[in-house]
């Protein structure tokens, strides 16, 4: 499996896991929430919202469009902080770590 195919698989697994632990939302936040100038839109979105509506959505678009990818990714560190009090997110954190590791190779 190519790295791009593996990334798409990991993104799908992230979505599936977020659905299973009730972090996936059916309705997008308002457009103004995405206009934040702060990293991860911390002032306008919960991290799980950012993960769903920005990270997963954008990476899918890049991968499906066969567009260039960023040179690195270190999302697991932020996720560990954001989800530190949520035991049910351990699988999601593992998926994010695997995703990050693809940029280290």
N, C-alpha and C. Protein backbone atom coordinates (compact mmCIF):
# COMPACT_ATOMS: atom_id res chain seq x y z
N UNK A 1 0.86 -1.18 0.00
CA UNK A 1 0.00 0.00 0.00
C UNK A 1 0.90 1.24 0.00
N UNK A 2 0.59 2.18 -0.86
CA UNK A 2 1.37 3.41 -0.92
C UNK A 2 1.12 4.26 0.31
N UNK A 3 2.02 5.20 0.56
CA UNK A 3 1.82 6.11 1.70
C UNK A 3 0.52 6.89 1.57
N UNK A 4 0.19 7.33 0.36
CA UNK A 4 -1.06 8.09 0.16
C UNK A 4 -2.27 7.22 0.45
N UNK A 5 -2.26 5.99 0.00
CA UNK A 5 -3.38 5.07 0.27
C UNK A 5 -3.47 4.80 1.77
N UNK A 6 -2.34 4.64 2.41
CA UNK A 6 -2.34 4.42 3.86
C UNK A 6 -2.88 5.64 4.59
N UNK A 7 -2.50 6.83 4.14
CA UNK A 7 -3.02 8.06 4.75
C UNK A 7 -4.54 8.14 4.62
N UNK A 8 -5.05 7.83 3.43
CA UNK A 8 -6.51 7.85 3.24
C UNK A 8 -7.19 6.83 4.15
N UNK A 9 -6.59 5.67 4.29
CA UNK A 9 -7.13 4.65 5.18
C UNK A 9 -7.13 5.14 6.63
N UNK A 10 -6.04 5.77 7.05
CA UNK A 10 -5.98 6.29 8.42
C UNK A 10 -7.00 7.39 8.64
N UNK A 11 -7.20 8.25 7.66
CA UNK A 11 -8.21 9.31 7.79
C UNK A 11 -9.60 8.70 7.95
N UNK A 12 -9.89 7.64 7.18
CA UNK A 12 -11.20 6.97 7.30
C UNK A 12 -11.34 6.33 8.68
N UNK A 13 -10.27 5.72 9.16
CA UNK A 13 -10.31 5.12 10.49
C UNK A 13 -10.51 6.19 11.57
N UNK A 14 -9.90 7.36 11.38
CA UNK A 14 -10.10 8.46 12.32
C UNK A 14 -11.57 8.85 12.35
N UNK A 15 -12.15 9.02 11.16
CA UNK A 15 -13.57 9.37 11.09
C UNK A 15 -14.42 8.30 11.76
N UNK A 16 -14.17 7.04 11.44
CA UNK A 16 -14.95 5.95 12.03
C UNK A 16 -14.84 5.96 13.55
N UNK A 17 -13.63 6.18 14.05
CA UNK A 17 -13.44 6.20 15.50
C UNK A 17 -14.12 7.41 16.13
N UNK A 18 -14.01 8.56 15.48
CA UNK A 18 -14.68 9.75 16.02
C UNK A 18 -16.19 9.55 16.06
N UNK A 19 -16.73 8.88 15.06
CA UNK A 19 -18.17 8.57 15.08
C UNK A 19 -18.50 7.64 16.25
N UNK A 20 -17.66 6.64 16.45
CA UNK A 20 -17.90 5.65 17.50
C UNK A 20 -17.88 6.26 18.89
N UNK A 21 -17.07 7.30 19.09
CA UNK A 21 -16.98 7.92 20.41
C UNK A 21 -17.72 9.26 20.47
N UNK A 22 -18.61 9.47 19.50
CA UNK A 22 -19.51 10.64 19.45
C UNK A 22 -18.78 11.98 19.37
N UNK A 23 -17.66 12.01 18.65
CA UNK A 23 -16.97 13.29 18.41
C UNK A 23 -17.22 13.83 17.01
N UNK A 24 -17.80 13.00 16.14
CA UNK A 24 -18.07 13.42 14.76
C UNK A 24 -19.38 14.17 14.72
N UNK A 25 -19.40 15.31 14.05
CA UNK A 25 -20.60 16.15 14.00
C UNK A 25 -21.23 16.12 12.62
N UNK A 26 -22.54 16.17 12.59
CA UNK A 26 -23.27 16.14 11.33
C UNK A 26 -23.42 17.49 10.66
N UNK A 27 -23.21 18.56 11.43
CA UNK A 27 -23.40 19.91 10.90
C UNK A 27 -22.12 20.70 11.10
N UNK A 28 -21.68 21.33 10.04
CA UNK A 28 -20.46 22.14 10.10
C UNK A 28 -20.66 23.38 10.96
N UNK A 29 -19.63 23.79 11.68
CA UNK A 29 -19.70 25.06 12.40
C UNK A 29 -19.90 26.20 11.38
N UNK A 30 -20.32 27.36 11.83
CA UNK A 30 -20.51 28.48 10.90
C UNK A 30 -19.18 28.88 10.25
N UNK A 31 -19.26 29.44 9.06
CA UNK A 31 -18.06 29.84 8.31
C UNK A 31 -17.15 30.76 9.13
N UNK A 32 -17.75 31.58 9.97
CA UNK A 32 -16.94 32.51 10.78
C UNK A 32 -15.99 31.77 11.72
N UNK A 33 -16.35 30.55 12.12
CA UNK A 33 -15.50 29.77 13.02
C UNK A 33 -14.18 29.40 12.36
N UNK A 34 -14.17 29.33 11.04
CA UNK A 34 -12.96 28.94 10.31
C UNK A 34 -12.08 30.14 9.97
N UNK A 35 -12.55 31.33 10.29
CA UNK A 35 -11.80 32.55 9.97
C UNK A 35 -10.77 32.90 11.04
N UNK A 36 -10.65 32.10 12.04
CA UNK A 36 -9.69 32.34 13.11
C UNK A 36 -8.28 32.43 12.56
N UNK A 37 -7.48 33.28 13.16
CA UNK A 37 -6.07 33.39 12.77
C UNK A 37 -5.18 32.62 13.73
N UNK A 38 -5.77 32.00 14.73
CA UNK A 38 -4.99 31.24 15.71
C UNK A 38 -4.83 29.79 15.25
N UNK A 39 -3.72 29.16 15.61
CA UNK A 39 -3.53 27.75 15.25
C UNK A 39 -4.69 26.89 15.75
N UNK A 40 -5.09 25.95 14.93
CA UNK A 40 -6.15 25.00 15.26
C UNK A 40 -7.49 25.68 15.54
N UNK A 41 -7.61 26.96 15.18
CA UNK A 41 -8.85 27.72 15.44
C UNK A 41 -9.26 27.59 16.91
N UNK A 42 -8.28 27.63 17.81
CA UNK A 42 -8.55 27.36 19.22
C UNK A 42 -9.56 28.32 19.84
N UNK A 43 -9.72 29.49 19.25
CA UNK A 43 -10.67 30.44 19.81
C UNK A 43 -12.09 30.27 19.28
N UNK A 44 -12.25 29.45 18.24
CA UNK A 44 -13.58 29.33 17.62
C UNK A 44 -14.08 27.89 17.48
N UNK A 45 -13.19 26.91 17.59
CA UNK A 45 -13.58 25.51 17.44
C UNK A 45 -13.00 24.66 18.57
N UNK A 46 -13.73 23.62 18.94
CA UNK A 46 -13.13 22.60 19.80
C UNK A 46 -12.13 21.83 18.94
N UNK A 47 -11.14 21.21 19.56
CA UNK A 47 -10.13 20.50 18.78
C UNK A 47 -10.76 19.41 17.93
N UNK A 48 -11.75 18.70 18.45
CA UNK A 48 -12.39 17.64 17.66
C UNK A 48 -13.07 18.22 16.41
N UNK A 49 -13.62 19.43 16.54
CA UNK A 49 -14.21 20.07 15.37
C UNK A 49 -13.14 20.42 14.34
N UNK A 50 -12.03 20.98 14.83
CA UNK A 50 -10.94 21.32 13.92
C UNK A 50 -10.42 20.06 13.22
N UNK A 51 -10.28 18.98 13.98
CA UNK A 51 -9.79 17.73 13.43
C UNK A 51 -10.71 17.25 12.31
N UNK A 52 -12.00 17.30 12.53
CA UNK A 52 -12.97 16.85 11.54
C UNK A 52 -13.06 17.78 10.34
N UNK A 53 -13.30 19.05 10.60
CA UNK A 53 -13.66 19.98 9.53
C UNK A 53 -12.47 20.61 8.82
N UNK A 54 -11.31 20.57 9.45
CA UNK A 54 -10.12 21.16 8.82
C UNK A 54 -9.09 20.07 8.48
N UNK A 55 -8.55 19.41 9.49
CA UNK A 55 -7.47 18.45 9.26
C UNK A 55 -7.88 17.31 8.34
N UNK A 56 -8.90 16.56 8.73
CA UNK A 56 -9.31 15.40 7.94
C UNK A 56 -9.81 15.84 6.57
N UNK A 57 -10.64 16.87 6.53
CA UNK A 57 -11.20 17.34 5.26
C UNK A 57 -10.11 17.81 4.30
N UNK A 58 -9.15 18.58 4.81
CA UNK A 58 -8.10 19.11 3.93
C UNK A 58 -7.15 18.02 3.46
N UNK A 59 -6.77 17.13 4.36
CA UNK A 59 -5.87 16.05 3.93
C UNK A 59 -6.55 15.15 2.91
N UNK A 60 -7.83 14.88 3.10
CA UNK A 60 -8.55 14.08 2.11
C UNK A 60 -8.51 14.77 0.74
N UNK A 61 -8.77 16.06 0.74
CA UNK A 61 -8.78 16.81 -0.52
C UNK A 61 -7.40 16.77 -1.19
N UNK A 62 -6.35 16.94 -0.41
CA UNK A 62 -4.99 16.88 -0.96
C UNK A 62 -4.69 15.50 -1.53
N UNK A 63 -5.03 14.47 -0.77
CA UNK A 63 -4.73 13.11 -1.19
C UNK A 63 -5.56 12.69 -2.40
N UNK A 64 -6.84 12.96 -2.37
CA UNK A 64 -7.72 12.57 -3.47
C UNK A 64 -7.41 13.36 -4.74
N UNK A 65 -6.92 14.60 -4.57
CA UNK A 65 -6.55 15.42 -5.72
C UNK A 65 -5.12 15.19 -6.17
N UNK A 66 -4.44 14.26 -5.51
CA UNK A 66 -3.03 13.97 -5.81
C UNK A 66 -2.19 15.25 -5.77
N UNK A 67 -2.48 16.11 -4.80
CA UNK A 67 -1.78 17.38 -4.64
C UNK A 67 -0.60 17.21 -3.70
N UNK A 68 0.35 18.15 -3.75
CA UNK A 68 1.50 18.06 -2.84
C UNK A 68 1.06 18.10 -1.38
N UNK A 69 1.78 17.34 -0.57
CA UNK A 69 1.49 17.29 0.87
C UNK A 69 2.48 18.15 1.63
N UNK A 70 2.12 18.56 2.84
CA UNK A 70 3.08 19.28 3.68
C UNK A 70 4.32 18.41 3.90
N UNK A 71 5.43 19.03 4.24
CA UNK A 71 6.65 18.26 4.44
C UNK A 71 6.68 17.57 5.79
N UNK A 72 5.88 18.05 6.74
CA UNK A 72 5.82 17.37 8.03
C UNK A 72 4.43 17.49 8.61
N UNK A 73 4.18 16.67 9.61
CA UNK A 73 2.90 16.67 10.31
C UNK A 73 3.17 16.23 11.74
N UNK A 74 2.70 17.00 12.68
CA UNK A 74 2.90 16.66 14.08
C UNK A 74 1.61 16.97 14.85
N UNK A 75 0.53 16.36 14.40
CA UNK A 75 -0.78 16.63 14.98
C UNK A 75 -1.03 15.86 16.27
N UNK A 76 -0.37 14.73 16.45
CA UNK A 76 -0.62 13.90 17.63
C UNK A 76 -0.29 14.63 18.93
N UNK A 77 0.73 15.45 18.91
CA UNK A 77 1.11 16.19 20.12
C UNK A 77 -0.03 17.10 20.58
N UNK A 78 -0.62 17.82 19.66
CA UNK A 78 -1.75 18.69 20.01
C UNK A 78 -2.95 17.86 20.45
N UNK A 79 -3.18 16.76 19.77
CA UNK A 79 -4.32 15.90 20.11
C UNK A 79 -4.17 15.32 21.51
N UNK A 80 -2.95 14.92 21.85
CA UNK A 80 -2.71 14.37 23.20
C UNK A 80 -3.07 15.40 24.27
N UNK A 81 -2.74 16.64 24.02
CA UNK A 81 -3.07 17.71 24.97
C UNK A 81 -4.58 17.95 25.00
N UNK A 82 -5.17 18.05 23.83
CA UNK A 82 -6.60 18.35 23.75
C UNK A 82 -7.47 17.24 24.33
N UNK A 83 -7.04 16.00 24.19
CA UNK A 83 -7.83 14.85 24.63
C UNK A 83 -7.31 14.22 25.92
N UNK A 84 -6.46 14.89 26.65
CA UNK A 84 -5.79 14.27 27.80
C UNK A 84 -6.75 13.73 28.86
N UNK A 85 -7.93 14.28 28.98
CA UNK A 85 -8.88 13.83 29.99
C UNK A 85 -9.97 12.93 29.41
N UNK A 86 -9.76 12.44 28.18
CA UNK A 86 -10.77 11.63 27.51
C UNK A 86 -10.19 10.25 27.21
N UNK A 87 -10.42 9.28 28.07
CA UNK A 87 -9.85 7.94 27.92
C UNK A 87 -10.27 7.27 26.62
N UNK A 88 -11.48 7.56 26.13
CA UNK A 88 -11.98 6.89 24.94
C UNK A 88 -11.28 7.34 23.65
N UNK A 89 -10.37 8.29 23.74
CA UNK A 89 -9.69 8.78 22.54
C UNK A 89 -8.36 8.09 22.27
N UNK A 90 -8.00 7.08 23.05
CA UNK A 90 -6.69 6.44 22.87
C UNK A 90 -6.51 5.85 21.47
N UNK A 91 -7.54 5.24 20.92
CA UNK A 91 -7.44 4.69 19.56
C UNK A 91 -7.22 5.82 18.54
N UNK A 92 -7.96 6.90 18.69
CA UNK A 92 -7.81 8.06 17.80
C UNK A 92 -6.40 8.61 17.89
N UNK A 93 -5.88 8.72 19.10
CA UNK A 93 -4.51 9.22 19.28
C UNK A 93 -3.51 8.29 18.58
N UNK A 94 -3.72 7.00 18.67
CA UNK A 94 -2.85 6.05 17.99
C UNK A 94 -2.87 6.24 16.47
N UNK A 95 -4.05 6.48 15.93
CA UNK A 95 -4.17 6.72 14.49
C UNK A 95 -3.45 8.00 14.08
N UNK A 96 -3.57 9.03 14.91
CA UNK A 96 -2.88 10.29 14.62
C UNK A 96 -1.36 10.12 14.70
N UNK A 97 -0.90 9.32 15.65
CA UNK A 97 0.54 9.05 15.74
C UNK A 97 1.03 8.31 14.50
N UNK A 98 0.24 7.34 14.03
CA UNK A 98 0.61 6.61 12.80
C UNK A 98 0.66 7.56 11.60
N UNK A 99 -0.30 8.48 11.55
CA UNK A 99 -0.35 9.45 10.45
C UNK A 99 0.91 10.32 10.48
N UNK A 100 1.24 10.84 11.66
CA UNK A 100 2.46 11.66 11.82
C UNK A 100 3.70 10.89 11.38
N UNK A 101 3.77 9.62 11.75
CA UNK A 101 4.96 8.81 11.47
C UNK A 101 5.22 8.66 9.97
N UNK A 102 4.19 8.76 9.16
CA UNK A 102 4.37 8.66 7.71
C UNK A 102 5.19 9.83 7.16
N UNK A 103 5.24 10.92 7.89
CA UNK A 103 6.01 12.08 7.45
C UNK A 103 7.47 12.00 7.91
N UNK A 104 7.75 11.07 8.81
CA UNK A 104 9.11 10.90 9.32
C UNK A 104 9.95 9.96 8.46
N UNK A 105 9.27 9.24 7.55
CA UNK A 105 10.00 8.25 6.76
C UNK A 105 10.56 8.83 5.48
